[in-house]
Amino acid sequence: MRPGSTLAKAVQHIDDRLVKKVMRLLLRLGLVPRAFALLETTGRRSGQPRLTPVGNGLIDGTFWLIAARGESADYVRNLRHHSAVRLRIGRRWYHGHAAALPEDDVDRRLEYILAHFGRLRSMDARALQTSIRLGESTPIVVRIDLIDHEL
């Protein structure tokens, strides 16, 4: 398959229109385990809040995540323009500043995240790896330093 292939486009469409839509709703209602979180960025063109469901990567006041679509992910492009973000973990919102780390080792970072979380997060990691493979993308690590972290 080549980038932009029919399969890659289909995977992206299903992820955007079905999976993320359902996850956003469940996260807003607080019906999803703490293995997941809701990332709020500011739209780079619209200036409006944009919500993206992500795997929970909160470790010692820093939130780590792997952007499966890498630099082409809308939320990565948004945070490059506006680094201030919010994260909803459980029923609480946290403020932070995000940075994409293209030099960070994605596989090593994913192992680090999974070492701190249970079975649900490891199932999410397998889904992430499948999405990366089928979507023909180059993933990137994102670090969010939380300002008001108190768990």
C-alpha atoms as a PDB file:
ATOM      1  CA  MET A   1       0.000   0.000   0.000  1.00  0.00           C
ATOM      2  CA  ARG A   2       1.132   3.520  -0.647  1.00  0.00           C
ATOM      3  CA  PRO A   3       0.342   6.644   1.410  1.00  0.00           C
ATOM      4  CA  GLY A   4      -3.093   7.914   0.486  1.00  0.00           C
ATOM      5  CA  SER A   5      -4.215   4.429  -0.602  1.00  0.00           C
ATOM      6  CA  THR A   6      -7.856   3.408  -0.407  1.00  0.00           C
ATOM      7  CA  LEU A   7      -7.244   1.214   2.663  1.00  0.00           C
ATOM      8  CA  ALA A   8      -5.408   4.010   4.517  1.00  0.00           C
ATOM      9  CA  LYS A   9      -8.226   6.436   3.710  1.00  0.00           C
ATOM     10  CA  ALA A  10     -10.862   3.923   4.838  1.00  0.00           C
ATOM     11  CA  VAL A  11      -9.061   3.310   8.140  1.00  0.00           C
ATOM     12  CA  GLN A  12      -8.789   7.052   8.765  1.00  0.00           C
ATOM     13  CA  HIS A  13     -12.467   7.586   7.897  1.00  0.00           C
ATOM     14  CA  ILE A  14     -13.655   4.826  10.265  1.00  0.00           C
ATOM     15  CA  ASP A  15     -11.383   6.146  13.018  1.00  0.00           C
ATOM     16  CA  ASP A  16     -12.596   9.744  12.596  1.00  0.00           C
ATOM     17  CA  ARG A  17     -16.280   9.168  11.958  1.00  0.00           C
ATOM     18  CA  LEU A  18     -17.015   6.213  14.188  1.00  0.00           C
ATOM     19  CA  VAL A  19     -14.406   5.339  16.792  1.00  0.00           C
ATOM     20  CA  LYS A  20     -13.471   8.856  17.903  1.00  0.00           C
ATOM     21  CA  LYS A  21     -17.054  10.099  17.777  1.00  0.00           C
ATOM     22  CA  VAL A  22     -18.256   7.320  20.095  1.00  0.00           C
ATOM     23  CA  MET A  23     -15.240   7.698  22.401  1.00  0.00           C
ATOM     24  CA  ARG A  24     -15.750  11.482  22.667  1.00  0.00           C
ATOM     25  CA  LEU A  25     -19.349  10.939  23.749  1.00  0.00           C
ATOM     26  CA  LEU A  26     -18.450   8.253  26.285  1.00  0.00           C
ATOM     27  CA  LEU A  27     -15.609  10.364  27.697  1.00  0.00           C
ATOM     28  CA  ARG A  28     -17.889  13.406  28.049  1.00  0.00           C
ATOM     29  CA  LEU A  29     -20.384  11.264  29.949  1.00  0.00           C
ATOM     30  CA  GLY A  30     -17.674   9.810  32.171  1.00  0.00           C
ATOM     31  CA  LEU A  31     -18.482   6.255  31.028  1.00  0.00           C
ATOM     32  CA  VAL A  32     -14.973   5.271  29.961  1.00  0.00           C
ATOM     33  CA  PRO A  33     -12.279   3.781  32.228  1.00  0.00           C
ATOM     34  CA  ARG A  34      -9.355   5.981  33.297  1.00  0.00           C
ATOM     35  CA  ALA A  35      -7.265   4.176  30.670  1.00  0.00           C
ATOM     36  CA  PHE A  36      -8.547   6.890  28.315  1.00  0.00           C
ATOM     37  CA  ALA A  37      -8.613  10.681  28.358  1.00  0.00           C
ATOM     38  CA  LEU A  38      -9.998  13.572  26.347  1.00  0.00           C
ATOM     39  CA  LEU A  39      -7.516  16.062  24.876  1.00  0.00           C
ATOM     40  CA  GLU A  40      -8.726  19.584  24.128  1.00  0.00           C
ATOM     41  CA  THR A  41      -6.647  21.674  21.734  1.00  0.00           C
ATOM     42  CA  THR A  42      -7.423  25.021  20.119  1.00  0.00           C
ATOM     43  CA  GLY A  43      -8.127  24.894  16.388  1.00  0.00           C
ATOM     44  CA  ARG A  44      -5.247  26.485  14.494  1.00  0.00           C
ATOM     45  CA  ARG A  45      -7.573  28.223  12.023  1.00  0.00           C
ATOM     46  CA  SER A  46     -10.912  28.410  13.830  1.00  0.00           C
ATOM     47  CA  GLY A  47      -9.662  29.172  17.326  1.00  0.00           C
ATOM     48  CA  GLN A  48     -12.409  26.825  18.585  1.00  0.00           C
ATOM     49  CA  PRO A  49     -11.896  23.988  21.100  1.00  0.00           C
ATOM     50  CA  ARG A  50     -11.231  20.613  19.467  1.00  0.00           C
ATOM     51  CA  LEU A  51     -11.677  17.368  21.423  1.00  0.00           C
ATOM     52  CA  THR A  52      -9.709  14.210  20.684  1.00  0.00           C
ATOM     53  CA  PRO A  53      -9.943  10.923  22.619  1.00  0.00           C
ATOM     54  CA  VAL A  54      -6.506   9.575  23.558  1.00  0.00           C
ATOM     55  CA  GLY A  55      -5.036   6.843  25.701  1.00  0.00           C
ATOM     56  CA  ASN A  56      -4.242   7.927  29.249  1.00  0.00           C
ATOM     57  CA  GLY A  57      -0.520   8.525  29.578  1.00  0.00           C
ATOM     58  CA  LEU A  58      -0.430  10.478  32.857  1.00  0.00           C
ATOM     59  CA  ILE A  59       2.771   9.639  34.704  1.00  0.00           C
ATOM     60  CA  ASP A  60       4.071  11.822  37.562  1.00  0.00           C
ATOM     61  CA  GLY A  61       2.548  15.101  36.365  1.00  0.00           C
ATOM     62  CA  THR A  62       3.451  14.593  32.698  1.00  0.00           C
ATOM     63  CA  PHE A  63       1.007  13.265  30.138  1.00  0.00           C
ATOM     64  CA  TRP A  64       2.548  11.202  27.329  1.00  0.00           C
ATOM     65  CA  LEU A  65       0.773  10.159  24.169  1.00  0.00           C
ATOM     66  CA  ILE A  66       1.558   8.681  20.802  1.00  0.00           C
ATOM     67  CA  ALA A  67      -0.017  10.478  17.824  1.00  0.00           C
ATOM     68  CA  ALA A  68      -0.627   7.605  15.400  1.00  0.00           C
ATOM     69  CA  ARG A  69      -0.875   9.953  12.401  1.00  0.00           C
ATOM     70  CA  GLY A  70       2.226  11.856  13.433  1.00  0.00           C
ATOM     71  CA  GLU A  71       2.667  15.362  12.085  1.00  0.00           C
ATOM     72  CA  SER A  72      -0.481  15.057   9.975  1.00  0.00           C
ATOM     73  CA  ALA A  73      -2.755  14.573  13.011  1.00  0.00           C
ATOM     74  CA  ASP A  74      -4.984  17.622  13.375  1.00  0.00           C
ATOM     75  CA  TYR A  75      -4.385  17.845  17.121  1.00  0.00           C
ATOM     76  CA  VAL A  76      -0.596  17.813  16.591  1.00  0.00           C
ATOM     77  CA  ARG A  77      -0.879  20.635  14.052  1.00  0.00           C
ATOM     78  CA  ASN A  78      -3.169  22.496  16.466  1.00  0.00           C
ATOM     79  CA  LEU A  79      -0.821  22.205  19.434  1.00  0.00           C
ATOM     80  CA  ARG A  80       2.082  23.431  17.322  1.00  0.00           C
ATOM     81  CA  HIS A  81       0.139  26.709  16.933  1.00  0.00           C
ATOM     82  CA  HIS A  82      -1.328  26.802  20.453  1.00  0.00           C
ATOM     83  CA  SER A  83       0.620  24.758  22.992  1.00  0.00           C
ATOM     84  CA  ALA A  84      -1.893  25.379  25.801  1.00  0.00           C
ATOM     85  CA  VAL A  85      -4.171  22.342  26.102  1.00  0.00           C
ATOM     86  CA  ARG A  86      -6.605  20.758  28.524  1.00  0.00           C
ATOM     87  CA  LEU A  87      -7.024  17.085  29.409  1.00  0.00           C
ATOM     88  CA  ARG A  88     -10.029  15.416  30.929  1.00  0.00           C
ATOM     89  CA  ILE A  89      -9.088  12.366  32.929  1.00  0.00           C
ATOM     90  CA  GLY A  90     -12.059  10.797  34.637  1.00  0.00           C
ATOM     91  CA  ARG A  91     -14.312  13.704  35.568  1.00  0.00           C
ATOM     92  CA  ARG A  92     -11.552  16.287  36.085  1.00  0.00           C
ATOM     93  CA  TRP A  93      -9.972  18.772  33.644  1.00  0.00           C
ATOM     94  CA  TYR A  94      -6.249  19.586  33.800  1.00  0.00           C
ATOM     95  CA  HIS A  95      -4.398  22.420  32.059  1.00  0.00           C
ATOM     96  CA  GLY A  96      -1.024  21.950  30.421  1.00  0.00           C
ATOM     97  CA  HIS A  97       1.420  22.848  27.682  1.00  0.00           C
ATOM     98  CA  ALA A  98       2.056  20.358  24.888  1.00  0.00           C
ATOM     99  CA  ALA A  99       5.021  19.736  22.637  1.00  0.00           C
ATOM    100  CA  ALA A 100       5.517  17.232  19.818  1.00  0.00           C
ATOM    101  CA  LEU A 101       8.807  15.353  20.177  1.00  0.00           C
ATOM    102  CA  PRO A 102       9.785  13.981  16.762  1.00  0.00           C
ATOM    103  CA  GLU A 103      13.182  12.855  18.095  1.00  0.00           C
ATOM    104  CA  ASP A 104      11.663  10.670  20.842  1.00  0.00           C
ATOM    105  CA  ASP A 105      11.616   6.902  20.280  1.00  0.00           C
ATOM    106  CA  VAL A 106       7.937   5.931  19.808  1.00  0.00           C
ATOM    107  CA  ASP A 107       8.372   2.242  20.702  1.00  0.00           C
ATOM    108  CA  ARG A 108      10.389   2.992  23.845  1.00  0.00           C
ATOM    109  CA  ARG A 109       7.893   5.648  24.935  1.00  0.00           C
ATOM    110  CA  LEU A 110       4.950   3.318  24.388  1.00  0.00           C
ATOM    111  CA  GLU A 111       6.638   0.655  26.554  1.00  0.00           C
ATOM    112  CA  TYR A 112       7.182   3.302  29.247  1.00  0.00           C
ATOM    113  CA  ILE A 113       3.497   4.291  29.167  1.00  0.00           C
ATOM    114  CA  LEU A 114       2.295   0.688  29.257  1.00  0.00           C
ATOM    115  CA  ALA A 115       4.539  -0.103  32.234  1.00  0.00           C
ATOM    116  CA  HIS A 116       2.357   2.289  34.267  1.00  0.00           C
ATOM    117  CA  PHE A 117      -1.074   1.107  33.117  1.00  0.00           C
ATOM    118  CA  GLY A 118      -3.088  -2.074  33.150  1.00  0.00           C
ATOM    119  CA  ARG A 119      -4.754  -4.402  30.697  1.00  0.00           C
ATOM    120  CA  LEU A 120      -7.168  -1.901  29.093  1.00  0.00           C
ATOM    121  CA  ARG A 121      -4.306   0.397  28.143  1.00  0.00           C
ATOM    122  CA  SER A 122      -2.370  -2.481  26.612  1.00  0.00           C
ATOM    123  CA  MET A 123      -5.409  -3.350  24.445  1.00  0.00           C
ATOM    124  CA  ASP A 124      -5.503   0.308  23.346  1.00  0.00           C
ATOM    125  CA  ALA A 125      -1.794   0.072  22.489  1.00  0.00           C
ATOM    126  CA  ARG A 126      -2.454  -2.887  20.178  1.00  0.00           C
ATOM    127  CA  ALA A 127      -5.210  -0.876  18.473  1.00  0.00           C
ATOM    128  CA  LEU A 128      -2.766   2.039  18.130  1.00  0.00           C
ATOM    129  CA  GLN A 129      -0.145  -0.181  16.517  1.00  0.00           C
ATOM    130  CA  THR A 130      -2.725  -1.587  14.091  1.00  0.00           C
ATOM    131  CA  SER A 131      -3.897   1.923  13.223  1.00  0.00           C
ATOM    132  CA  ILE A 132      -0.310   2.990  12.517  1.00  0.00           C
ATOM    133  CA  ARG A 133       0.293  -0.028  10.286  1.00  0.00           C
ATOM    134  CA  LEU A 134      -2.985   0.201   8.350  1.00  0.00           C
ATOM    135  CA  GLY A 135      -2.962   3.997   8.169  1.00  0.00           C
ATOM    136  CA  GLU A 136       0.555   4.045   6.718  1.00  0.00           C
ATOM    137  CA  SER A 137       1.699   6.789   9.051  1.00  0.00           C
ATOM    138  CA  THR A 138       4.787   7.788  10.987  1.00  0.00           C
ATOM    139  CA  PRO A 139       3.771   8.243  14.638  1.00  0.00           C
ATOM    140  CA  ILE A 140       5.144  10.926  16.930  1.00  0.00           C
ATOM    141  CA  VAL A 141       5.422  11.323  20.707  1.00  0.00           C
ATOM    142  CA  VAL A 142       3.642  14.229  22.386  1.00  0.00           C
ATOM    143  CA  ARG A 143       4.528  15.415  25.896  1.00  0.00           C
ATOM    144  CA  ILE A 144       2.096  17.521  27.915  1.00  0.00           C
ATOM    145  CA  ASP A 145       3.437  19.166  31.049  1.00  0.00           C
ATOM    146  CA  LEU A 146       0.475  19.636  33.373  1.00  0.00           C
ATOM    147  CA  ILE A 147       0.201  22.897  35.275  1.00  0.00           C
ATOM    148  CA  ASP A 148      -2.365  21.875  37.879  1.00  0.00           C
ATOM    149  CA  HIS A 149      -1.738  18.180  38.409  1.00  0.00           C
ATOM    150  CA  GLU A 150      -2.795  16.880  41.815  1.00  0.00           C
ATOM    151  CA  LEU A 151      -3.901  13.250  41.975  1.00  0.00           C
END
